[in-house]
Amino acid sequence: MRLDKLVSHVTGLTRKEARALIKDGRIRAGGALVRDAAFHVTPDVAVTLDGEPLGDAGPRYFMLHKPQGVISATHDGEHMTVLNLLDEPHVEKLHIAGRLDIDTTGLVLITDDGAWSHRITHPGRGCRKVYRVWVERDIDPALIDVFAKGVMLHNEKHPTLPAELVLLGGNECLLVLQEGRHHQVKRMFASVDNRVTRLHRERIGDIVLDPELEPGEYRPLTPEEIASVR
């Protein structure tokens, strides 16, 4: 990570203010004075300001627009992970609050706040997730009532919690879930003999995927977005 970005993140200063500190010779990396704001800092290098260590900035919260082909995992020996897309210090301390399949796109929330992510992922919290779904065949309007009552999935002991289905015409719809079972959207449509061809998560609770984010891009959550989960 660039030195100015790391200093900005940890101190809360703007990038311009962080660069001024570096230029003034107040920052050391690995014990050496560094005046280059673009200097690359690895996680194992200690950074100090006026001789004092720069520690972690506290809980971090990000939204990421997950592209296809990227897995929702902290590390993987074969595929790129969502954490590989983040240019942040101590990225290994972050985790994913609500995973997506490798071929599913859309909103992923990433944090190092375990209690916060638990409010998103635990079914008892009722955090609603909104998915845009495309399937092979046109959707029967009767599925609105079927999904609202809950459906029994293969190898499950209990039916799904009530889900809201919003028809968008033809083979496209929105599906609103309040739980996150393994491959749930795909399995729900498979239970009615229809196959999901494309899946995109648009929303988690009150947090909506930023339309300015291209696939693979991310940004910190706003204070309002963070507080909406609490």
C-alpha atoms as a PDB file:
ATOM      1  CA  MET A   1       0.000   0.000   0.000  1.00  0.00           C
ATOM      2  CA  ARG A   2       1.156   3.565  -0.677  1.00  0.00           C
ATOM      3  CA  LEU A   3       2.559   5.275   2.394  1.00  0.00           C
ATOM      4  CA  ASP A   4       0.296   8.331   2.094  1.00  0.00           C
ATOM      5  CA  LYS A   5      -2.802   6.144   1.880  1.00  0.00           C
ATOM      6  CA  LEU A   6      -1.797   4.132   4.949  1.00  0.00           C
ATOM      7  CA  VAL A   7      -1.066   7.264   6.994  1.00  0.00           C
ATOM      8  CA  SER A   8      -4.352   8.827   5.892  1.00  0.00           C
ATOM      9  CA  HIS A   9      -6.331   5.716   6.808  1.00  0.00           C
ATOM     10  CA  VAL A  10      -4.799   5.238  10.248  1.00  0.00           C
ATOM     11  CA  THR A  11      -4.770   8.899  11.310  1.00  0.00           C
ATOM     12  CA  GLY A  12      -8.019  10.057   9.704  1.00  0.00           C
ATOM     13  CA  LEU A  13      -6.139  12.826   7.890  1.00  0.00           C
ATOM     14  CA  THR A  14      -6.747  13.632   4.248  1.00  0.00           C
ATOM     15  CA  ARG A  15      -4.288  12.288   1.686  1.00  0.00           C
ATOM     16  CA  LYS A  16      -2.991  15.847   1.205  1.00  0.00           C
ATOM     17  CA  GLU A  17      -2.352  16.217   4.946  1.00  0.00           C
ATOM     18  CA  ALA A  18      -0.672  12.794   5.050  1.00  0.00           C
ATOM     19  CA  ARG A  19       1.634  13.780   2.190  1.00  0.00           C
ATOM     20  CA  ALA A  20       2.585  16.939   4.090  1.00  0.00           C
ATOM     21  CA  LEU A  21       3.625  14.859   7.107  1.00  0.00           C
ATOM     22  CA  ILE A  22       5.736  12.649   4.878  1.00  0.00           C
ATOM     23  CA  LYS A  23       7.357  15.610   3.134  1.00  0.00           C
ATOM     24  CA  ASP A  24       8.181  17.185   6.516  1.00  0.00           C
ATOM     25  CA  GLY A  25      10.128  14.075   7.499  1.00  0.00           C
ATOM     26  CA  ARG A  26       7.814  13.028  10.320  1.00  0.00           C
ATOM     27  CA  ILE A  27       7.154   9.512   9.012  1.00  0.00           C
ATOM     28  CA  ARG A  28       9.456   6.513   9.233  1.00  0.00           C
ATOM     29  CA  ALA A  29       8.880   3.064   7.750  1.00  0.00           C
ATOM     30  CA  GLY A  30      10.898   0.171   9.126  1.00  0.00           C
ATOM     31  CA  GLY A  31      12.953   2.700  11.081  1.00  0.00           C
ATOM     32  CA  ALA A  32      14.035   4.592   7.955  1.00  0.00           C
ATOM     33  CA  LEU A  33      12.991   8.145   7.134  1.00  0.00           C
ATOM     34  CA  VAL A  34      10.736   8.144   4.060  1.00  0.00           C
ATOM     35  CA  ARG A  35       9.798  11.284   2.151  1.00  0.00           C
ATOM     36  CA  ASP A  36       8.220   9.549  -0.851  1.00  0.00           C
ATOM     37  CA  ALA A  37       4.416   9.483  -0.503  1.00  0.00           C
ATOM     38  CA  ALA A  38       4.228   6.693  -3.097  1.00  0.00           C
ATOM     39  CA  PHE A  39       6.580   4.441  -1.100  1.00  0.00           C
ATOM     40  CA  HIS A  40       5.051   0.939  -0.927  1.00  0.00           C
ATOM     41  CA  VAL A  41       4.543  -0.338   2.612  1.00  0.00           C
ATOM     42  CA  THR A  42       4.107  -4.064   3.230  1.00  0.00           C
ATOM     43  CA  PRO A  43       2.074  -5.356   6.231  1.00  0.00           C
ATOM     44  CA  ASP A  44       5.207  -6.430   8.110  1.00  0.00           C
ATOM     45  CA  VAL A  45       6.773  -2.927   8.090  1.00  0.00           C
ATOM     46  CA  ALA A  46       6.260  -0.763  11.181  1.00  0.00           C
ATOM     47  CA  VAL A  47       5.322   2.851  10.423  1.00  0.00           C
ATOM     48  CA  THR A  48       5.790   5.648  12.948  1.00  0.00           C
ATOM     49  CA  LEU A  49       4.742   9.299  13.204  1.00  0.00           C
ATOM     50  CA  ASP A  50       7.101  11.468  15.247  1.00  0.00           C
ATOM     51  CA  GLY A  51       8.511   8.262  16.704  1.00  0.00           C
ATOM     52  CA  GLU A  52       5.113   6.882  17.782  1.00  0.00           C
ATOM     53  CA  PRO A  53       3.785   3.704  16.139  1.00  0.00           C
ATOM     54  CA  LEU A  54       0.780   4.106  13.893  1.00  0.00           C
ATOM     55  CA  GLY A  55      -1.675   1.450  15.001  1.00  0.00           C
ATOM     56  CA  ASP A  56      -4.942   0.297  13.511  1.00  0.00           C
ATOM     57  CA  ALA A  57      -7.596   2.959  12.960  1.00  0.00           C
ATOM     58  CA  GLY A  58     -10.346   0.908  14.561  1.00  0.00           C
ATOM     59  CA  PRO A  59     -13.257  -0.954  12.938  1.00  0.00           C
ATOM     60  CA  ARG A  60     -13.342  -0.730   9.148  1.00  0.00           C
ATOM     61  CA  TYR A  61     -16.341  -1.117   6.860  1.00  0.00           C
ATOM     62  CA  PHE A  62     -16.335  -1.365   3.052  1.00  0.00           C
ATOM     63  CA  MET A  63     -18.731  -2.114   0.224  1.00  0.00           C
ATOM     64  CA  LEU A  64     -17.380  -3.865  -2.850  1.00  0.00           C
ATOM     65  CA  HIS A  65     -18.922  -4.539  -6.251  1.00  0.00           C
ATOM     66  CA  LYS A  66     -18.017  -8.197  -6.702  1.00  0.00           C
ATOM     67  CA  PRO A  67     -17.391  -9.295 -10.285  1.00  0.00           C
ATOM     68  CA  GLN A  68     -17.852 -12.801 -11.651  1.00  0.00           C
ATOM     69  CA  GLY A  69     -14.974 -15.213 -11.149  1.00  0.00           C
ATOM     70  CA  VAL A  70     -13.999 -13.827  -7.737  1.00  0.00           C
ATOM     71  CA  ILE A  71     -14.749 -15.917  -4.669  1.00  0.00           C
ATOM     72  CA  SER A  72     -16.045 -14.718  -1.318  1.00  0.00           C
ATOM     73  CA  ALA A  73     -13.194 -15.982   0.827  1.00  0.00           C
ATOM     74  CA  THR A  74     -10.301 -14.532   2.776  1.00  0.00           C
ATOM     75  CA  HIS A  75      -7.739 -16.629   0.879  1.00  0.00           C
ATOM     76  CA  ASP A  76      -7.681 -19.264  -1.844  1.00  0.00           C
ATOM     77  CA  GLY A  77      -4.899 -21.041  -3.681  1.00  0.00           C
ATOM     78  CA  GLU A  78      -6.682 -21.119  -7.036  1.00  0.00           C
ATOM     79  CA  HIS A  79      -9.038 -18.159  -7.464  1.00  0.00           C
ATOM     80  CA  MET A  80      -8.863 -14.433  -6.782  1.00  0.00           C
ATOM     81  CA  THR A  81     -10.740 -13.494  -3.611  1.00  0.00           C
ATOM     82  CA  VAL A  82     -12.639 -10.337  -2.716  1.00  0.00           C
ATOM     83  CA  LEU A  83      -9.856  -9.416  -0.282  1.00  0.00           C
ATOM     84  CA  ASN A  84      -7.373  -9.512  -3.167  1.00  0.00           C
ATOM     85  CA  LEU A  85      -9.303  -6.554  -4.626  1.00  0.00           C
ATOM     86  CA  LEU A  86      -8.712  -4.363  -1.557  1.00  0.00           C
ATOM     87  CA  ASP A  87      -5.701  -2.097  -1.249  1.00  0.00           C
ATOM     88  CA  GLU A  88      -5.842  -1.665   2.523  1.00  0.00           C
ATOM     89  CA  PRO A  89      -3.427  -2.175   5.428  1.00  0.00           C
ATOM     90  CA  HIS A  90      -3.741  -5.427   7.364  1.00  0.00           C
ATOM     91  CA  VAL A  91      -6.271  -6.786   4.906  1.00  0.00           C
ATOM     92  CA  GLU A  92      -5.868 -10.205   6.535  1.00  0.00           C
ATOM     93  CA  LYS A  93      -7.844  -8.911   9.537  1.00  0.00           C
ATOM     94  CA  LEU A  94     -10.944  -8.261   7.409  1.00  0.00           C
ATOM     95  CA  HIS A  95     -13.767 -10.707   6.758  1.00  0.00           C
ATOM     96  CA  ILE A  96     -16.871 -10.891   4.569  1.00  0.00           C
ATOM     97  CA  ALA A  97     -20.329 -10.175   5.954  1.00  0.00           C
ATOM     98  CA  GLY A  98     -22.468 -12.290   3.638  1.00  0.00           C
ATOM     99  CA  ARG A  99     -20.824 -14.298   0.885  1.00  0.00           C
ATOM    100  CA  LEU A 100     -21.695 -14.625  -2.791  1.00  0.00           C
ATOM    101  CA  ASP A 101     -21.092 -17.545  -5.173  1.00  0.00           C
ATOM    102  CA  ILE A 102     -18.214 -17.259  -7.625  1.00  0.00           C
ATOM    103  CA  ASP A 103     -20.582 -16.556 -10.542  1.00  0.00           C
ATOM    104  CA  THR A 104     -22.792 -14.103  -8.596  1.00  0.00           C
ATOM    105  CA  THR A 105     -22.122 -10.374  -8.825  1.00  0.00           C
ATOM    106  CA  GLY A 106     -23.029  -7.397  -6.707  1.00  0.00           C
ATOM    107  CA  LEU A 107     -22.848  -6.019  -3.192  1.00  0.00           C
ATOM    108  CA  VAL A 108     -20.396  -7.520  -0.711  1.00  0.00           C
ATOM    109  CA  LEU A 109     -19.780  -5.975   2.713  1.00  0.00           C
ATOM    110  CA  ILE A 110     -16.337  -6.357   4.270  1.00  0.00           C
ATOM    111  CA  THR A 111     -15.349  -5.470   7.833  1.00  0.00           C
ATOM    112  CA  ASP A 112     -13.244  -6.358  10.856  1.00  0.00           C
ATOM    113  CA  ASP A 113     -16.184  -5.769  13.234  1.00  0.00           C
ATOM    114  CA  GLY A 114     -17.510  -9.219  14.143  1.00  0.00           C
ATOM    115  CA  ALA A 115     -20.554  -8.028  16.071  1.00  0.00           C
ATOM    116  CA  TRP A 116     -21.590  -5.785  13.183  1.00  0.00           C
ATOM    117  CA  SER A 117     -21.318  -8.553  10.590  1.00  0.00           C
ATOM    118  CA  HIS A 118     -23.239 -10.933  12.884  1.00  0.00           C
ATOM    119  CA  ARG A 119     -26.241  -8.589  12.697  1.00  0.00           C
ATOM    120  CA  ILE A 120     -26.164  -9.006   8.924  1.00  0.00           C
ATOM    121  CA  THR A 121     -25.641 -12.746   8.645  1.00  0.00           C
ATOM    122  CA  HIS A 122     -27.663 -14.199  11.525  1.00  0.00           C
ATOM    123  CA  PRO A 123     -31.145 -15.277  10.295  1.00  0.00           C
ATOM    124  CA  GLY A 124     -32.756 -14.175  13.555  1.00  0.00           C
ATOM    125  CA  ARG A 125     -31.809 -10.566  12.843  1.00  0.00           C
ATOM    126  CA  GLY A 126     -34.027 -10.475   9.751  1.00  0.00           C
ATOM    127  CA  CYS A 127     -31.585  -8.448   7.651  1.00  0.00           C
ATOM    128  CA  ARG A 128     -33.155  -8.371   4.185  1.00  0.00           C
ATOM    129  CA  LYS A 129     -31.054  -9.006   1.091  1.00  0.00           C
ATOM    130  CA  VAL A 130     -32.308  -7.988  -2.352  1.00  0.00           C
ATOM    131  CA  TYR A 131     -31.233  -9.976  -5.416  1.00  0.00           C
ATOM    132  CA  ARG A 132     -31.920  -9.294  -9.077  1.00  0.00           C
ATOM    133  CA  VAL A 133     -32.507 -12.666 -10.708  1.00  0.00           C
ATOM    134  CA  TRP A 134     -32.663 -13.904 -14.286  1.00  0.00           C
ATOM    135  CA  VAL A 135     -33.914 -17.436 -14.973  1.00  0.00           C
ATOM    136  CA  GLU A 136     -34.260 -19.678 -18.013  1.00  0.00           C
ATOM    137  CA  ARG A 137     -38.037 -19.479 -18.414  1.00  0.00           C
ATOM    138  CA  ASP A 138     -40.647 -16.801 -17.781  1.00  0.00           C
ATOM    139  CA  ILE A 139     -41.648 -16.641 -14.132  1.00  0.00           C
ATOM    140  CA  ASP A 140     -45.114 -17.868 -13.152  1.00  0.00           C
ATOM    141  CA  PRO A 141     -46.879 -15.175 -11.056  1.00  0.00           C
ATOM    142  CA  ALA A 142     -48.103 -17.988  -8.791  1.00  0.00           C
ATOM    143  CA  LEU A 143     -44.566 -18.128  -7.383  1.00  0.00           C
ATOM    144  CA  ILE A 144     -45.232 -14.905  -5.480  1.00  0.00           C
ATOM    145  CA  ASP A 145     -47.465 -16.837  -3.063  1.00  0.00           C
ATOM    146  CA  VAL A 146     -45.266 -19.961  -3.137  1.00  0.00           C
ATOM    147  CA  PHE A 147     -42.146 -18.092  -2.063  1.00  0.00           C
ATOM    148  CA  ALA A 148     -44.097 -15.994   0.447  1.00  0.00           C
ATOM    149  CA  LYS A 149     -45.151 -19.180   2.242  1.00  0.00           C
ATOM    150  CA  GLY A 150     -41.656 -20.703   2.174  1.00  0.00           C
ATOM    151  CA  VAL A 151     -40.426 -23.657   0.122  1.00  0.00           C
ATOM    152  CA  MET A 152     -38.786 -26.892   1.163  1.00  0.00           C
ATOM    153  CA  LEU A 153     -35.314 -27.189  -0.360  1.00  0.00           C
ATOM    154  CA  HIS A 154     -33.562 -30.442  -1.139  1.00  0.00           C
ATOM    155  CA  ASN A 155     -31.840 -31.982   1.913  1.00  0.00           C
ATOM    156  CA  GLU A 156     -33.271 -29.344   4.252  1.00  0.00           C
ATOM    157  CA  LYS A 157     -35.321 -30.058   7.384  1.00  0.00           C
ATOM    158  CA  HIS A 158     -37.192 -26.761   7.448  1.00  0.00           C
ATOM    159  CA  PRO A 159     -38.758 -24.610   4.719  1.00  0.00           C
ATOM    160  CA  THR A 160     -37.266 -21.274   3.798  1.00  0.00           C
ATOM    161  CA  LEU A 161     -38.416 -18.188   5.619  1.00  0.00           C
ATOM    162  CA  PRO A 162     -41.023 -16.118   3.740  1.00  0.00           C
ATOM    163  CA  ALA A 163     -39.471 -14.375   0.750  1.00  0.00           C
ATOM    164  CA  GLU A 164     -40.798 -11.506  -1.349  1.00  0.00           C
ATOM    165  CA  LEU A 165     -40.852 -11.985  -5.110  1.00  0.00           C
ATOM    166  CA  VAL A 166     -41.232  -8.914  -7.333  1.00  0.00           C
ATOM    167  CA  LEU A 167     -41.842  -9.655 -11.001  1.00  0.00           C
ATOM    168  CA  LEU A 168     -40.038  -7.388 -13.481  1.00  0.00           C
ATOM    169  CA  GLY A 169     -41.356  -9.031 -16.616  1.00  0.00           C
ATOM    170  CA  GLY A 170     -40.517 -12.228 -18.459  1.00  0.00           C
ATOM    171  CA  ASN A 171     -37.654 -14.105 -16.832  1.00  0.00           C
ATOM    172  CA  GLU A 172     -36.432 -11.272 -14.577  1.00  0.00           C
ATOM    173  CA  CYS A 173     -37.388 -10.529 -10.979  1.00  0.00           C
ATOM    174  CA  LEU A 174     -36.265  -9.219  -7.606  1.00  0.00           C
ATOM    175  CA  LEU A 175     -36.118 -11.669  -4.721  1.00  0.00           C
ATOM    176  CA  VAL A 176     -35.959 -10.386  -1.147  1.00  0.00           C
ATOM    177  CA  LEU A 177     -34.612 -12.841   1.445  1.00  0.00           C
ATOM    178  CA  GLN A 178     -34.174 -12.573   5.203  1.00  0.00           C
ATOM    179  CA  GLU A 179     -31.774 -15.501   5.495  1.00  0.00           C
ATOM    180  CA  GLY A 180     -28.756 -16.766   3.582  1.00  0.00           C
ATOM    181  CA  ARG A 181     -28.743 -20.517   3.079  1.00  0.00           C
ATOM    182  CA  HIS A 182     -26.175 -22.120   0.799  1.00  0.00           C
ATOM    183  CA  HIS A 183     -27.030 -21.330  -2.859  1.00  0.00           C
ATOM    184  CA  GLN A 184     -30.501 -20.355  -1.627  1.00  0.00           C
ATOM    185  CA  VAL A 185     -31.746 -18.330  -4.600  1.00  0.00           C
ATOM    186  CA  LYS A 186     -30.639 -20.957  -7.101  1.00  0.00           C
ATOM    187  CA  ARG A 187     -32.131 -23.767  -5.025  1.00  0.00           C
ATOM    188  CA  MET A 188     -35.449 -21.965  -4.590  1.00  0.00           C
ATOM    189  CA  PHE A 189     -35.911 -21.636  -8.342  1.00  0.00           C
ATOM    190  CA  ALA A 190     -34.625 -25.169  -8.918  1.00  0.00           C
ATOM    191  CA  SER A 191     -37.392 -26.391  -6.587  1.00  0.00           C
ATOM    192  CA  VAL A 192     -39.934 -25.052  -9.104  1.00  0.00           C
ATOM    193  CA  ASP A 193     -38.061 -26.396 -12.155  1.00  0.00           C
ATOM    194  CA  ASN A 194     -36.496 -23.139 -13.273  1.00  0.00           C
ATOM    195  CA  ARG A 195     -32.761 -22.450 -13.487  1.00  0.00           C
ATOM    196  CA  VAL A 196     -31.037 -19.222 -12.475  1.00  0.00           C
ATOM    197  CA  THR A 197     -28.861 -17.940 -15.325  1.00  0.00           C
ATOM    198  CA  ARG A 198     -27.663 -14.727 -13.689  1.00  0.00           C
ATOM    199  CA  LEU A 199     -27.706 -13.407 -10.136  1.00  0.00           C
ATOM    200  CA  HIS A 200     -26.813  -9.971  -8.756  1.00  0.00           C
ATOM    201  CA  ARG A 201     -27.150  -8.700  -5.178  1.00  0.00           C
ATOM    202  CA  GLU A 202     -28.306  -5.083  -5.037  1.00  0.00           C
ATOM    203  CA  ARG A 203     -28.944  -4.438  -1.371  1.00  0.00           C
ATOM    204  CA  ILE A 204     -28.262  -5.621   2.188  1.00  0.00           C
ATOM    205  CA  GLY A 205     -30.554  -4.071   4.768  1.00  0.00           C
ATOM    206  CA  ASP A 206     -30.558  -0.342   4.021  1.00  0.00           C
ATOM    207  CA  ILE A 207     -27.180  -0.466   2.271  1.00  0.00           C
ATOM    208  CA  VAL A 208     -27.500  -0.243  -1.518  1.00  0.00           C
ATOM    209  CA  LEU A 209     -24.692  -1.020  -3.948  1.00  0.00           C
ATOM    210  CA  ASP A 210     -23.223   2.298  -5.073  1.00  0.00           C
ATOM    211  CA  PRO A 211     -23.987   2.699  -8.813  1.00  0.00           C
ATOM    212  CA  GLU A 212     -20.686   4.569  -9.196  1.00  0.00           C
ATOM    213  CA  LEU A 213     -18.702   1.425  -8.348  1.00  0.00           C
ATOM    214  CA  GLU A 214     -17.560  -0.617 -11.325  1.00  0.00           C
ATOM    215  CA  PRO A 215     -17.096  -4.390 -10.864  1.00  0.00           C
ATOM    216  CA  GLY A 216     -14.017  -4.903  -8.723  1.00  0.00           C
ATOM    217  CA  GLU A 217     -14.149  -1.426  -7.161  1.00  0.00           C
ATOM    218  CA  TYR A 218     -14.893  -0.641  -3.515  1.00  0.00           C
ATOM    219  CA  ARG A 219     -15.306   2.256  -1.100  1.00  0.00           C
ATOM    220  CA  PRO A 220     -15.640   2.782   2.674  1.00  0.00           C
ATOM    221  CA  LEU A 221     -19.157   2.799   4.035  1.00  0.00           C
ATOM    222  CA  THR A 222     -20.557   6.127   5.174  1.00  0.00           C
ATOM    223  CA  PRO A 223     -21.338   6.630   8.873  1.00  0.00           C
ATOM    224  CA  GLU A 224     -25.039   6.483   7.997  1.00  0.00           C
ATOM    225  CA  GLU A 225     -24.623   3.143   6.206  1.00  0.00           C
ATOM    226  CA  ILE A 226     -22.684   1.695   9.140  1.00  0.00           C
ATOM    227  CA  ALA A 227     -25.266   2.903  11.655  1.00  0.00           C
ATOM    228  CA  SER A 228     -28.140   1.436   9.618  1.00  0.00           C
ATOM    229  CA  VAL A 229     -27.013  -2.063  10.605  1.00  0.00           C
ATOM    230  CA  ARG A 230     -26.957  -1.212  14.302  1.00  0.00           C
END
